[in-house]
C-alpha cells in the first residue's frame, strides 16, 4: 500500500514557484520522508534534494539556490519549495522515505512548467 503521499504539483509558468509536500499516510511516524527525486519523460530518475533527521540538506547542483527542502517534524512532513522554475524541470516528482531499514516511495506528483 501507499505509505508516502505527495501533493502540490501542477502547472506553472516559467519563472514561477511551487511547493511540494510529502506526508506519511496514516501518521506512521516510524517512516520518515527524506527527500525528492524527479523523472522527466525519456529520462532516468534523478535525485533533487534530501534532508536528514538532523536537518542536514543536500541538493543537486542544478537546483542549488532555487529549491529549498524543509521538514515539519510535528507533522512528519517534508516540503520542497521550488522557485524560478524552468521548462526543462517538467517531470514527475517522487518523495522517498526511510524507517531505518527499508526505503519507501510515493506515487509521484506531476510538475509542468510552461514556456
PDB file of N, CA and C in Angstrom:
ATOM      1  N   UNK A   1       0.828  -1.181   0.000  1.00  0.00           N
ATOM      2  CA  UNK A   1       0.000   0.000   0.000  1.00  0.00           C
ATOM      3  C   UNK A   1       0.879   1.254   0.000  1.00  0.00           C
ATOM      4  N   UNK A   2       0.290   2.366  -0.452  1.00  0.00           N
ATOM      5  CA  UNK A   2       0.996   3.636  -0.497  1.00  0.00           C
ATOM      6  C   UNK A   2       1.162   4.168   0.912  1.00  0.00           C
ATOM      7  N   UNK A   3       2.410   4.462   1.289  1.00  0.00           N
ATOM      8  CA  UNK A   3       2.703   4.968   2.620  1.00  0.00           C
ATOM      9  C   UNK A   3       3.281   6.373   2.609  1.00  0.00           C
ATOM     10  N   UNK A   4       3.713   6.864   1.448  1.00  0.00           N
ATOM     11  CA  UNK A   4       4.137   8.239   1.263  1.00  0.00           C
ATOM     12  C   UNK A   4       3.245   8.876   0.207  1.00  0.00           C
ATOM     13  N   UNK A   5       2.744  10.065   0.491  1.00  0.00           N
ATOM     14  CA  UNK A   5       1.796  10.734  -0.391  1.00  0.00           C
ATOM     15  C   UNK A   5       2.306  12.120  -0.716  1.00  0.00           C
ATOM     16  N   UNK A   6       2.518  12.400  -2.009  1.00  0.00           N
ATOM     17  CA  UNK A   6       2.964  13.708  -2.465  1.00  0.00           C
ATOM     18  C   UNK A   6       1.762  14.565  -2.849  1.00  0.00           C
ATOM     19  N   UNK A   7       1.921  15.872  -2.716  1.00  0.00           N
ATOM     20  CA  UNK A   7       0.913  16.812  -3.166  1.00  0.00           C
ATOM     21  C   UNK A   7       1.593  18.123  -3.536  1.00  0.00           C
ATOM     22  N   UNK A   8       0.871  18.985  -4.225  1.00  0.00           N
ATOM     23  CA  UNK A   8       1.368  20.309  -4.549  1.00  0.00           C
ATOM     24  C   UNK A   8       1.827  20.501  -5.974  1.00  0.00           C
ATOM     25  N   UNK A   9       1.828  19.443  -6.764  1.00  0.00           N
ATOM     26  CA  UNK A   9       2.204  19.581  -8.157  1.00  0.00           C
ATOM     27  C   UNK A   9       1.133  20.309  -8.945  1.00  0.00           C
ATOM     28  N   UNK A  10       1.483  20.676 -10.164  1.00  0.00           N
ATOM     29  CA  UNK A  10       0.546  21.378 -11.014  1.00  0.00           C
ATOM     30  C   UNK A  10       1.241  22.061 -12.161  1.00  0.00           C
ATOM     31  N   UNK A  11       0.525  22.980 -12.779  1.00  0.00           N
ATOM     32  CA  UNK A  11       1.022  23.731 -13.930  1.00  0.00           C
ATOM     33  C   UNK A  11       1.447  25.115 -13.478  1.00  0.00           C
ATOM     34  N   UNK A  12       2.647  25.515 -13.873  1.00  0.00           N
ATOM     35  CA  UNK A  12       3.170  26.826 -13.523  1.00  0.00           C
ATOM     36  C   UNK A  12       3.954  27.376 -14.709  1.00  0.00           C
ATOM     37  N   UNK A  13       3.952  28.684 -14.866  1.00  0.00           N
ATOM     38  CA  UNK A  13       4.729  29.312 -15.926  1.00  0.00           C
ATOM     39  C   UNK A  13       6.204  29.365 -15.553  1.00  0.00           C
ATOM     40  N   UNK A  14       7.059  29.397 -16.574  1.00  0.00           N
ATOM     41  CA  UNK A  14       8.489  29.534 -16.340  1.00  0.00           C
ATOM     42  C   UNK A  14       8.766  30.742 -15.454  1.00  0.00           C
ATOM     43  N   UNK A  15       9.633  30.540 -14.471  1.00  0.00           N
ATOM     44  CA  UNK A  15       9.938  31.583 -13.513  1.00  0.00           C
ATOM     45  C   UNK A  15       9.068  31.571 -12.280  1.00  0.00           C
ATOM     46  N   UNK A  16       8.024  30.765 -12.288  1.00  0.00           N
ATOM     47  CA  UNK A  16       7.114  30.678 -11.166  1.00  0.00           C
ATOM     48  C   UNK A  16       7.590  29.722 -10.096  1.00  0.00           C
ATOM     49  N   UNK A  17       6.735  29.521  -9.087  1.00  0.00           N
ATOM     50  CA  UNK A  17       7.090  28.719  -7.924  1.00  0.00           C
ATOM     51  C   UNK A  17       5.999  27.716  -7.596  1.00  0.00           C
ATOM     52  N   UNK A  18       6.404  26.613  -6.998  1.00  0.00           N
ATOM     53  CA  UNK A  18       5.509  25.614  -6.443  1.00  0.00           C
ATOM     54  C   UNK A  18       6.110  25.092  -5.152  1.00  0.00           C
ATOM     55  N   UNK A  19       5.253  24.630  -4.253  1.00  0.00           N
ATOM     56  CA  UNK A  19       5.705  23.963  -3.044  1.00  0.00           C
ATOM     57  C   UNK A  19       5.101  22.568  -2.987  1.00  0.00           C
ATOM     58  N   UNK A  20       5.955  21.555  -2.981  1.00  0.00           N
ATOM     59  CA  UNK A  20       5.536  20.173  -2.882  1.00  0.00           C
ATOM     60  C   UNK A  20       5.557  19.719  -1.430  1.00  0.00           C
ATOM     61  N   UNK A  21       4.639  18.822  -1.088  1.00  0.00           N
ATOM     62  CA  UNK A  21       4.577  18.252   0.246  1.00  0.00           C
ATOM     63  C   UNK A  21       4.638  16.734   0.152  1.00  0.00           C
ATOM     64  N   UNK A  22       5.245  16.114   1.144  1.00  0.00           N
ATOM     65  CA  UNK A  22       5.290  14.660   1.249  1.00  0.00           C
ATOM     66  C   UNK A  22       4.943  14.279   2.674  1.00  0.00           C
ATOM     67  N   UNK A  23       3.838  13.572   2.836  1.00  0.00           N
ATOM     68  CA  UNK A  23       3.372  13.138   4.141  1.00  0.00           C
ATOM     69  C   UNK A  23       3.269  11.625   4.184  1.00  0.00           C
ATOM     70  N   UNK A  24       3.321  11.081   5.391  1.00  0.00           N
ATOM     71  CA  UNK A  24       3.198   9.645   5.597  1.00  0.00           C
ATOM     72  C   UNK A  24       1.736   9.320   5.833  1.00  0.00           C
ATOM     73  N   UNK A  25       1.188   8.404   5.068  1.00  0.00           N
ATOM     74  CA  UNK A  25      -0.206   8.025   5.224  1.00  0.00           C
ATOM     75  C   UNK A  25      -0.421   7.347   6.566  1.00  0.00           C
ATOM     76  N   UNK A  26      -1.550   7.665   7.192  1.00  0.00           N
ATOM     77  CA  UNK A  26      -1.890   7.058   8.462  1.00  0.00           C
ATOM     78  C   UNK A  26      -1.046   7.509   9.635  1.00  0.00           C
ATOM     79  N   UNK A  27      -0.293   8.577   9.464  1.00  0.00           N
ATOM     80  CA  UNK A  27       0.553   9.129  10.533  1.00  0.00           C
ATOM     81  C   UNK A  27       1.481   8.065  11.098  1.00  0.00           C
ATOM     82  N   UNK A  28       2.141   7.335  10.214  1.00  0.00           N
ATOM     83  CA  UNK A  28       3.091   6.302  10.612  1.00  0.00           C
ATOM     84  C   UNK A  28       4.442   6.974  10.808  1.00  0.00           C
ATOM     85  N   UNK A  29       4.740   7.366  12.036  1.00  0.00           N
ATOM     86  CA  UNK A  29       5.925   8.170  12.307  1.00  0.00           C
ATOM     87  C   UNK A  29       7.216   7.378  12.275  1.00  0.00           C
ATOM     88  N   UNK A  30       7.137   6.045  12.228  1.00  0.00           N
ATOM     89  CA  UNK A  30       8.355   5.261  12.084  1.00  0.00           C
ATOM     90  C   UNK A  30       8.970   5.423  10.703  1.00  0.00           C
ATOM     91  N   UNK A  31       8.167   5.804   9.724  1.00  0.00           N
ATOM     92  CA  UNK A  31       8.638   6.080   8.376  1.00  0.00           C
ATOM     93  C   UNK A  31       8.784   7.584   8.223  1.00  0.00           C
ATOM     94  N   UNK A  32       9.972   8.031   7.850  1.00  0.00           N
ATOM     95  CA  UNK A  32      10.234   9.457   7.730  1.00  0.00           C
ATOM     96  C   UNK A  32      10.558   9.816   6.289  1.00  0.00           C
ATOM     97  N   UNK A  33       9.802  10.743   5.706  1.00  0.00           N
ATOM     98  CA  UNK A  33      10.188  11.229   4.374  1.00  0.00           C
ATOM     99  C   UNK A  33      11.539  11.921   4.460  1.00  0.00           C
ATOM    100  N   UNK A  34      12.375  11.687   3.441  1.00  0.00           N
ATOM    101  CA  UNK A  34      13.758  12.139   3.478  1.00  0.00           C
ATOM    102  C   UNK A  34      14.156  13.026   2.302  1.00  0.00           C
ATOM    103  N   UNK A  35      13.407  12.992   1.203  1.00  0.00           N
ATOM    104  CA  UNK A  35      13.820  13.812   0.081  1.00  0.00           C
ATOM    105  C   UNK A  35      13.001  13.586  -1.163  1.00  0.00           C
ATOM    106  N   UNK A  36      13.520  14.121  -2.271  1.00  0.00           N
ATOM    107  CA  UNK A  36      12.799  14.148  -3.531  1.00  0.00           C
ATOM    108  C   UNK A  36      13.662  13.721  -4.700  1.00  0.00           C
ATOM    109  N   UNK A  37      13.064  12.953  -5.609  1.00  0.00           N
ATOM    110  CA  UNK A  37      13.609  12.645  -6.916  1.00  0.00           C
ATOM    111  C   UNK A  37      12.633  13.171  -7.968  1.00  0.00           C
ATOM    112  N   UNK A  38      13.101  13.244  -9.197  1.00  0.00           N
ATOM    113  CA  UNK A  38      12.208  13.589 -10.301  1.00  0.00           C
ATOM    114  C   UNK A  38      12.576  12.774 -11.528  1.00  0.00           C
ATOM    115  N   UNK A  39      11.592  12.561 -12.392  1.00  0.00           N
ATOM    116  CA  UNK A  39      11.807  11.821 -13.622  1.00  0.00           C
ATOM    117  C   UNK A  39      11.062  12.515 -14.752  1.00  0.00           C
ATOM    118  N   UNK A  40      11.819  13.031 -15.707  1.00  0.00           N
ATOM    119  CA  UNK A  40      11.265  13.667 -16.886  1.00  0.00           C
ATOM    120  C   UNK A  40      11.017  12.613 -17.957  1.00  0.00           C
ATOM    121  N   UNK A  41      10.127  12.893 -18.922  1.00  0.00           N
ATOM    122  CA  UNK A  41       9.857  11.921 -19.984  1.00  0.00           C
ATOM    123  C   UNK A  41      11.126  11.516 -20.720  1.00  0.00           C
ATOM    124  N   UNK A  42      11.352  10.214 -20.855  1.00  0.00           N
ATOM    125  CA  UNK A  42      12.507   9.694 -21.557  1.00  0.00           C
ATOM    126  C   UNK A  42      13.815   9.788 -20.805  1.00  0.00           C
ATOM    127  N   UNK A  43      13.778  10.223 -19.561  1.00  0.00           N
ATOM    128  CA  UNK A  43      14.990  10.389 -18.769  1.00  0.00           C
ATOM    129  C   UNK A  43      14.971   9.472 -17.553  1.00  0.00           C
ATOM    130  N   UNK A  44      16.161   9.243 -16.987  1.00  0.00           N
ATOM    131  CA  UNK A  44      16.266   8.473 -15.761  1.00  0.00           C
ATOM    132  C   UNK A  44      15.852   9.319 -14.564  1.00  0.00           C
ATOM    133  N   UNK A  45      15.419   8.638 -13.511  1.00  0.00           N
ATOM    134  CA  UNK A  45      15.086   9.327 -12.286  1.00  0.00           C
ATOM    135  C   UNK A  45      16.359   9.901 -11.655  1.00  0.00           C
ATOM    136  N   UNK A  46      16.295  11.150 -11.215  1.00  0.00           N
ATOM    137  CA  UNK A  46      17.448  11.804 -10.631  1.00  0.00           C
ATOM    138  C   UNK A  46      17.108  12.374  -9.262  1.00  0.00           C
ATOM    139  N   UNK A  47      18.104  12.378  -8.389  1.00  0.00           N
ATOM    140  CA  UNK A  47      17.941  12.962  -7.066  1.00  0.00           C
ATOM    141  C   UNK A  47      17.906  14.478  -7.176  1.00  0.00           C
ATOM    142  N   UNK A  48      17.005  15.093  -6.418  1.00  0.00           N
ATOM    143  CA  UNK A  48      16.833  16.541  -6.435  1.00  0.00           C
ATOM    144  C   UNK A  48      17.286  17.163  -5.124  1.00  0.00           C
ATOM    145  N   UNK A  49      16.767  16.662  -4.007  1.00  0.00           N
ATOM    146  CA  UNK A  49      17.079  17.238  -2.705  1.00  0.00           C
ATOM    147  C   UNK A  49      16.834  16.212  -1.621  1.00  0.00           C
ATOM    148  N   UNK A  50      17.576  16.325  -0.526  1.00  0.00           N
ATOM    149  CA  UNK A  50      17.428  15.415   0.597  1.00  0.00           C
ATOM    150  C   UNK A  50      17.638  16.166   1.898  1.00  0.00           C
ATOM    151  N   UNK A  51      17.041  15.651   2.967  1.00  0.00           N
ATOM    152  CA  UNK A  51      17.217  16.228   4.291  1.00  0.00           C
ATOM    153  C   UNK A  51      17.257  15.089   5.305  1.00  0.00           C
ATOM    154  N   UNK A  52      18.253  15.098   6.176  1.00  0.00           N
ATOM    155  CA  UNK A  52      18.389  14.066   7.190  1.00  0.00           C
ATOM    156  C   UNK A  52      17.506  14.385   8.383  1.00  0.00           C
ATOM    157  N   UNK A  53      17.376  13.414   9.283  1.00  0.00           N
ATOM    158  CA  UNK A  53      16.616  13.642  10.510  1.00  0.00           C
ATOM    159  C   UNK A  53      17.213  14.780  11.328  1.00  0.00           C
ATOM    160  N   UNK A  54      18.522  14.996  11.202  1.00  0.00           N
ATOM    161  CA  UNK A  54      19.186  16.076  11.902  1.00  0.00           C
ATOM    162  C   UNK A  54      19.129  17.410  11.190  1.00  0.00           C
ATOM    163  N   UNK A  55      18.499  17.453  10.019  1.00  0.00           N
ATOM    164  CA  UNK A  55      18.316  18.705   9.309  1.00  0.00           C
ATOM    165  C   UNK A  55      19.400  19.051   8.307  1.00  0.00           C
ATOM    166  N   UNK A  56      20.325  18.139   8.046  1.00  0.00           N
ATOM    167  CA  UNK A  56      21.360  18.382   7.051  1.00  0.00           C
ATOM    168  C   UNK A  56      20.761  18.204   5.658  1.00  0.00           C
ATOM    169  N   UNK A  57      20.975  19.173   4.788  1.00  0.00           N
ATOM    170  CA  UNK A  57      20.378  19.162   3.455  1.00  0.00           C
ATOM    171  C   UNK A  57      21.414  18.940   2.375  1.00  0.00           C
ATOM    172  N   UNK A  58      20.955  18.422   1.241  1.00  0.00           N
ATOM    173  CA  UNK A  58      21.795  18.217   0.079  1.00  0.00           C
ATOM    174  C   UNK A  58      20.949  18.460  -1.162  1.00  0.00           C
ATOM    175  N   UNK A  59      21.537  19.095  -2.168  1.00  0.00           N
ATOM    176  CA  UNK A  59      20.822  19.454  -3.379  1.00  0.00           C
ATOM    177  C   UNK A  59      21.609  19.072  -4.617  1.00  0.00           C
ATOM    178  N   UNK A  60      20.880  18.740  -5.673  1.00  0.00           N
ATOM    179  CA  UNK A  60      21.508  18.624  -6.974  1.00  0.00           C
ATOM    180  C   UNK A  60      22.061  19.982  -7.385  1.00  0.00           C
ATOM    181  N   UNK A  61      23.201  19.979  -8.078  1.00  0.00           N
ATOM    182  CA  UNK A  61      23.820  21.241  -8.473  1.00  0.00           C
ATOM    183  C   UNK A  61      22.864  22.116  -9.284  1.00  0.00           C
ATOM    184  N   UNK A  62      22.021  21.500 -10.089  1.00  0.00           N
ATOM    185  CA  UNK A  62      21.159  22.248 -10.980  1.00  0.00           C
ATOM    186  C   UNK A  62      20.074  23.040 -10.260  1.00  0.00           C
ATOM    187  N   UNK A  63      19.780  22.704  -9.000  1.00  0.00           N
ATOM    188  CA  UNK A  63      18.698  23.377  -8.285  1.00  0.00           C
ATOM    189  C   UNK A  63      19.191  24.215  -7.119  1.00  0.00           C
ATOM    190  N   UNK A  64      20.482  24.205  -6.841  1.00  0.00           N
ATOM    191  CA  UNK A  64      21.017  24.972  -5.722  1.00  0.00           C
ATOM    192  C   UNK A  64      20.722  26.455  -5.901  1.00  0.00           C
ATOM    193  N   UNK A  65      20.264  27.078  -4.826  1.00  0.00           N
ATOM    194  CA  UNK A  65      19.918  28.486  -4.857  1.00  0.00           C
ATOM    195  C   UNK A  65      18.489  28.759  -5.254  1.00  0.00           C
ATOM    196  N   UNK A  66      17.794  27.757  -5.805  1.00  0.00           N
ATOM    197  CA  UNK A  66      16.409  27.940  -6.235  1.00  0.00           C
ATOM    198  C   UNK A  66      15.426  27.071  -5.461  1.00  0.00           C
ATOM    199  N   UNK A  67      15.862  25.875  -5.046  1.00  0.00           N
ATOM    200  CA  UNK A  67      14.998  24.946  -4.327  1.00  0.00           C
ATOM    201  C   UNK A  67      15.416  24.892  -2.863  1.00  0.00           C
ATOM    202  N   UNK A  68      14.441  24.695  -1.979  1.00  0.00           N
ATOM    203  CA  UNK A  68      14.703  24.544  -0.562  1.00  0.00           C
ATOM    204  C   UNK A  68      13.892  23.383  -0.017  1.00  0.00           C
ATOM    205  N   UNK A  69      14.559  22.429   0.626  1.00  0.00           N
ATOM    206  CA  UNK A  69      13.876  21.317   1.270  1.00  0.00           C
ATOM    207  C   UNK A  69      13.806  21.603   2.764  1.00  0.00           C
ATOM    208  N   UNK A  70      12.671  21.274   3.373  1.00  0.00           N
ATOM    209  CA  UNK A  70      12.485  21.521   4.796  1.00  0.00           C
ATOM    210  C   UNK A  70      11.616  20.428   5.394  1.00  0.00           C
ATOM    211  N   UNK A  71      11.599  20.372   6.714  1.00  0.00           N
ATOM    212  CA  UNK A  71      10.845  19.343   7.428  1.00  0.00           C
ATOM    213  C   UNK A  71      10.023  19.970   8.544  1.00  0.00           C
ATOM    214  N   UNK A  72       8.786  19.500   8.689  1.00  0.00           N
ATOM    215  CA  UNK A  72       7.947  19.807   9.833  1.00  0.00           C
ATOM    216  C   UNK A  72       7.845  18.520  10.636  1.00  0.00           C
ATOM    217  N   UNK A  73       8.632  18.421  11.692  1.00  0.00           N
ATOM    218  CA  UNK A  73       8.707  17.176  12.454  1.00  0.00           C
ATOM    219  C   UNK A  73       7.384  16.818  13.113  1.00  0.00           C
ATOM    220  N   UNK A  74       6.633  17.824  13.576  1.00  0.00           N
ATOM    221  CA  UNK A  74       5.360  17.566  14.236  1.00  0.00           C
ATOM    222  C   UNK A  74       4.372  16.899  13.295  1.00  0.00           C
ATOM    223  N   UNK A  75       4.448  17.231  12.005  1.00  0.00           N
ATOM    224  CA  UNK A  75       3.554  16.653  11.008  1.00  0.00           C
ATOM    225  C   UNK A  75       4.193  15.497  10.249  1.00  0.00           C
ATOM    226  N   UNK A  76       5.472  15.212  10.533  1.00  0.00           N
ATOM    227  CA  UNK A  76       6.228  14.199   9.794  1.00  0.00           C
ATOM    228  C   UNK A  76       6.071  14.421   8.293  1.00  0.00           C
ATOM    229  N   UNK A  77       6.298  15.650   7.883  1.00  0.00           N
ATOM    230  CA  UNK A  77       6.098  16.071   6.507  1.00  0.00           C
ATOM    231  C   UNK A  77       7.341  16.790   6.011  1.00  0.00           C
ATOM    232  N   UNK A  78       7.727  16.510   4.776  1.00  0.00           N
ATOM    233  CA  UNK A  78       8.839  17.186   4.125  1.00  0.00           C
ATOM    234  C   UNK A  78       8.296  18.003   2.961  1.00  0.00           C
ATOM    235  N   UNK A  79       8.859  19.189   2.772  1.00  0.00           N
ATOM    236  CA  UNK A  79       8.432  20.104   1.733  1.00  0.00           C
ATOM    237  C   UNK A  79       9.578  20.376   0.769  1.00  0.00           C
ATOM    238  N   UNK A  80       9.226  20.715  -0.452  1.00  0.00           N
ATOM    239  CA  UNK A  80      10.197  21.176  -1.426  1.00  0.00           C
ATOM    240  C   UNK A  80       9.671  22.465  -2.037  1.00  0.00           C
ATOM    241  N   UNK A  81      10.271  23.582  -1.650  1.00  0.00           N
ATOM    242  CA  UNK A  81       9.943  24.871  -2.234  1.00  0.00           C
ATOM    243  C   UNK A  81      10.773  25.049  -3.494  1.00  0.00           C
ATOM    244  N   UNK A  82      10.114  25.221  -4.621  1.00  0.00           N
ATOM    245  CA  UNK A  82      10.770  25.330  -5.913  1.00  0.00           C
ATOM    246  C   UNK A  82      10.492  26.712  -6.482  1.00  0.00           C
ATOM    247  N   UNK A  83      11.551  27.496  -6.647  1.00  0.00           N
ATOM    248  CA  UNK A  83      11.444  28.844  -7.186  1.00  0.00           C
ATOM    249  C   UNK A  83      12.144  28.933  -8.537  1.00  0.00           C
ATOM    250  N   UNK A  84      11.778  29.940  -9.306  1.00  0.00           N
ATOM    251  CA  UNK A  84      12.391  30.194 -10.614  1.00  0.00           C
ATOM    252  C   UNK A  84      12.405  28.941 -11.474  1.00  0.00           C
ATOM    253  N   UNK A  85      11.263  28.284 -11.567  1.00  0.00           N
ATOM    254  CA  UNK A  85      11.172  27.021 -12.288  1.00  0.00           C
ATOM    255  C   UNK A  85      11.423  27.201 -13.778  1.00  0.00           C
ATOM    256  N   UNK A  86      12.056  26.189 -14.363  1.00  0.00           N
ATOM    257  CA  UNK A  86      12.412  26.169 -15.770  1.00  0.00           C
ATOM    258  C   UNK A  86      11.623  25.088 -16.497  1.00  0.00           C
ATOM    259  N   UNK A  87      11.320  25.288 -17.787  1.00  0.00           N
ATOM    260  CA  UNK A  87      10.561  24.272 -18.531  1.00  0.00           C
ATOM    261  C   UNK A  87      11.205  22.894 -18.510  1.00  0.00           C
ATOM    262  N   UNK A  88      12.533  22.825 -18.529  1.00  0.00           N
ATOM    263  CA  UNK A  88      13.211  21.539 -18.522  1.00  0.00           C
ATOM    264  C   UNK A  88      13.064  20.790 -17.203  1.00  0.00           C
ATOM    265  N   UNK A  89      12.487  21.436 -16.198  1.00  0.00           N
ATOM    266  CA  UNK A  89      12.238  20.777 -14.924  1.00  0.00           C
ATOM    267  C   UNK A  89      10.851  20.162 -14.848  1.00  0.00           C
ATOM    268  N   UNK A  90      10.136  20.169 -15.956  1.00  0.00           N
ATOM    269  CA  UNK A  90       8.885  19.424 -16.056  1.00  0.00           C
ATOM    270  C   UNK A  90       9.172  17.941 -15.836  1.00  0.00           C
ATOM    271  N   UNK A  91       8.490  17.339 -14.875  1.00  0.00           N
ATOM    272  CA  UNK A  91       8.760  15.958 -14.511  1.00  0.00           C
ATOM    273  C   UNK A  91       7.737  15.498 -13.492  1.00  0.00           C
ATOM    274  N   UNK A  92       7.731  14.193 -13.243  1.00  0.00           N
ATOM    275  CA  UNK A  92       7.031  13.664 -12.087  1.00  0.00           C
ATOM    276  C   UNK A  92       8.003  13.690 -10.916  1.00  0.00           C
ATOM    277  N   UNK A  93       7.590  14.290  -9.832  1.00  0.00           N
ATOM    278  CA  UNK A  93       8.424  14.408  -8.647  1.00  0.00           C
ATOM    279  C   UNK A  93       7.982  13.374  -7.621  1.00  0.00           C
ATOM    280  N   UNK A  94       8.949  12.590  -7.137  1.00  0.00           N
ATOM    281  CA  UNK A  94       8.683  11.494  -6.224  1.00  0.00           C
ATOM    282  C   UNK A  94       9.320  11.754  -4.868  1.00  0.00           C
ATOM    283  N   UNK A  95       8.580  11.504  -3.826  1.00  0.00           N
ATOM    284  CA  UNK A  95       9.103  11.547  -2.474  1.00  0.00           C
ATOM    285  C   UNK A  95       9.653  10.178  -2.096  1.00  0.00           C
ATOM    286  N   UNK A  96      10.730  10.159  -1.332  1.00  0.00           N
ATOM    287  CA  UNK A  96      11.219   8.907  -0.762  1.00  0.00           C
ATOM    288  C   UNK A  96      11.416   9.060   0.736  1.00  0.00           C
ATOM    289  N   UNK A  97      11.319   7.934   1.433  1.00  0.00           N
ATOM    290  CA  UNK A  97      11.470   7.941   2.872  1.00  0.00           C
ATOM    291  C   UNK A  97      12.132   6.674   3.375  1.00  0.00           C
ATOM    292  N   UNK A  98      12.462   6.671   4.653  1.00  0.00           N
ATOM    293  CA  UNK A  98      13.145   5.557   5.287  1.00  0.00           C
ATOM    294  C   UNK A  98      12.563   5.301   6.663  1.00  0.00           C
ATOM    295  N   UNK A  99      12.708   4.056   7.129  1.00  0.00           N
ATOM    296  CA  UNK A  99      12.336   3.725   8.500  1.00  0.00           C
ATOM    297  C   UNK A  99      13.523   3.177   9.284  1.00  0.00           C
ATOM    298  N   UNK A 100      14.722   3.391   8.773  1.00  0.00           N
ATOM    299  CA  UNK A 100      15.931   2.892   9.393  1.00  0.00           C
ATOM    300  C   UNK A 100      16.423   1.601   8.795  1.00  0.00           C
ATOM    301  N   UNK A 101      15.584   0.932   8.038  1.00  0.00           N
ATOM    302  CA  UNK A 101      15.944  -0.332   7.408  1.00  0.00           C
ATOM    303  C   UNK A 101      15.497  -0.394   5.950  1.00  0.00           C
ATOM    304  N   UNK A 102      14.271   0.019   5.679  1.00  0.00           N
ATOM    305  CA  UNK A 102      13.692  -0.065   4.343  1.00  0.00           C
ATOM    306  C   UNK A 102      13.513   1.312   3.723  1.00  0.00           C
ATOM    307  N   UNK A 103      13.442   1.334   2.393  1.00  0.00           N
ATOM    308  CA  UNK A 103      13.168   2.543   1.633  1.00  0.00           C
ATOM    309  C   UNK A 103      11.729   2.523   1.135  1.00  0.00           C
ATOM    310  N   UNK A 104      11.132   3.703   1.017  1.00  0.00           N
ATOM    311  CA  UNK A 104       9.750   3.841   0.584  1.00  0.00           C
ATOM    312  C   UNK A 104       9.645   4.941  -0.464  1.00  0.00           C
ATOM    313  N   UNK A 105       8.680   4.792  -1.368  1.00  0.00           N
ATOM    314  CA  UNK A 105       8.455   5.755  -2.439  1.00  0.00           C
ATOM    315  C   UNK A 105       6.990   6.142  -2.505  1.00  0.00           C
ATOM    316  N   UNK A 106       6.738   7.410  -2.785  1.00  0.00           N
ATOM    317  CA  UNK A 106       5.399   7.844  -3.120  1.00  0.00           C
ATOM    318  C   UNK A 106       5.088   7.544  -4.572  1.00  0.00           C
ATOM    319  N   UNK A 107       3.865   7.839  -4.986  1.00  0.00           N
ATOM    320  CA  UNK A 107       3.438   7.568  -6.356  1.00  0.00           C
ATOM    321  C   UNK A 107       3.727   8.718  -7.307  1.00  0.00           C
ATOM    322  N   UNK A 108       4.166   9.846  -6.789  1.00  0.00           N
ATOM    323  CA  UNK A 108       4.591  10.951  -7.618  1.00  0.00           C
ATOM    324  C   UNK A 108       3.533  12.016  -7.800  1.00  0.00           C
ATOM    325  N   UNK A 109       3.989  13.233  -8.060  1.00  0.00           N
ATOM    326  CA  UNK A 109       3.110  14.347  -8.391  1.00  0.00           C
ATOM    327  C   UNK A 109       3.680  15.070  -9.607  1.00  0.00           C
ATOM    328  N   UNK A 110       2.820  15.366 -10.572  1.00  0.00           N
ATOM    329  CA  UNK A 110       3.256  15.957 -11.833  1.00  0.00           C
ATOM    330  C   UNK A 110       3.507  17.453 -11.662  1.00  0.00           C
ATOM    331  N   UNK A 111       4.672  17.892 -12.120  1.00  0.00           N
ATOM    332  CA  UNK A 111       5.007  19.309 -12.197  1.00  0.00           C
ATOM    333  C   UNK A 111       5.236  19.647 -13.661  1.00  0.00           C
ATOM    334  N   UNK A 112       4.473  20.595 -14.176  1.00  0.00           N
ATOM    335  CA  UNK A 112       4.605  21.028 -15.560  1.00  0.00           C
ATOM    336  C   UNK A 112       4.929  22.517 -15.577  1.00  0.00           C
ATOM    337  N   UNK A 113       6.046  22.863 -16.205  1.00  0.00           N
ATOM    338  CA  UNK A 113       6.494  24.245 -16.302  1.00  0.00           C
ATOM    339  C   UNK A 113       6.374  24.669 -17.756  1.00  0.00           C
ATOM    340  N   UNK A 114       5.501  25.610 -18.027  1.00  0.00           N
ATOM    341  CA  UNK A 114       5.243  26.049 -19.393  1.00  0.00           C
ATOM    342  C   UNK A 114       6.193  27.168 -19.797  1.00  0.00           C
ATOM    343  N   UNK A 115       6.480  27.237 -21.101  1.00  0.00           N
ATOM    344  CA  UNK A 115       7.355  28.270 -21.643  1.00  0.00           C
ATOM    345  C   UNK A 115       6.634  29.590 -21.765  1.00  0.00           C
TER     346      UNK A 115
END
